[in-house]
Amino acid sequence: MLTLIDAARTRAIAAVNTTLIDLYWKIGEYISRKIADEGWGHGTVNILAEYIRRHDPNARGFSSQNLWRMRQFYETYRGQPKLSTLLRELPWSHNMEILSRSKMDEEREFYLRMASRERWSFRDLQRQLNGALPACARCRAGLYATLPATADPPLSGRVTGGICFIAPPIEAKSGKTVVSTAQFGSLDAIS
């Protein structure tokens, strides 16, 4: 019985999250279009934020700063339809963290996919963004690959060089999945 309740609660949260992401996307699109067509600027967005605050005092998250983030969110991902599903699988906080901390499309796509697949909490995502992975210049260039979970014989010692691979997820003592990085060689060197 508790499993059914938990599953229903998880589906409800996911549905709410998807609806919010869709709303933020549409607001971002609206603001982007108004800027392009009518020359909106900071003053107009400030007025819009104040209008929302006055007419719906219970609405949270619609400050002028957040409205600008919605525009940035829309403009960053509007030309990337393959990511639209991933965006809707993650909470707004995850999307904003990835957007603000990842500068390249490939890097954003990587973190969106990993956060969704591994079901990272916000803290897990921050740890990954703060870890060795983003520091690797070649990872920033989009040279990602996933090592097989097992290799016989082990891959270490068989490859040299400097392409950054994402090691298989490791389950930490806390039960959370952690992704680590390792420096290995080129894809051609792995047989």
Foldseek 3Di string as FASTA:
>chain_A
DVVVVVVVVVVVVLVVLLVVLVVLLVLLVVVVVCCVPPVDDLVVLQVVLVVCCVVPVPDPQSHSVSSVVSVLLNVVCVVPVVCSVLSSRDGPLQLSVLSVLQDDPLSSSVLSVCCNVQVDDSVLSVCVSPDCQVVQPLVSVNQEDEDDQDDVVDCPPQFDDFHKYWYPWDQDPVRGTHIDIDGTHDPVSPD
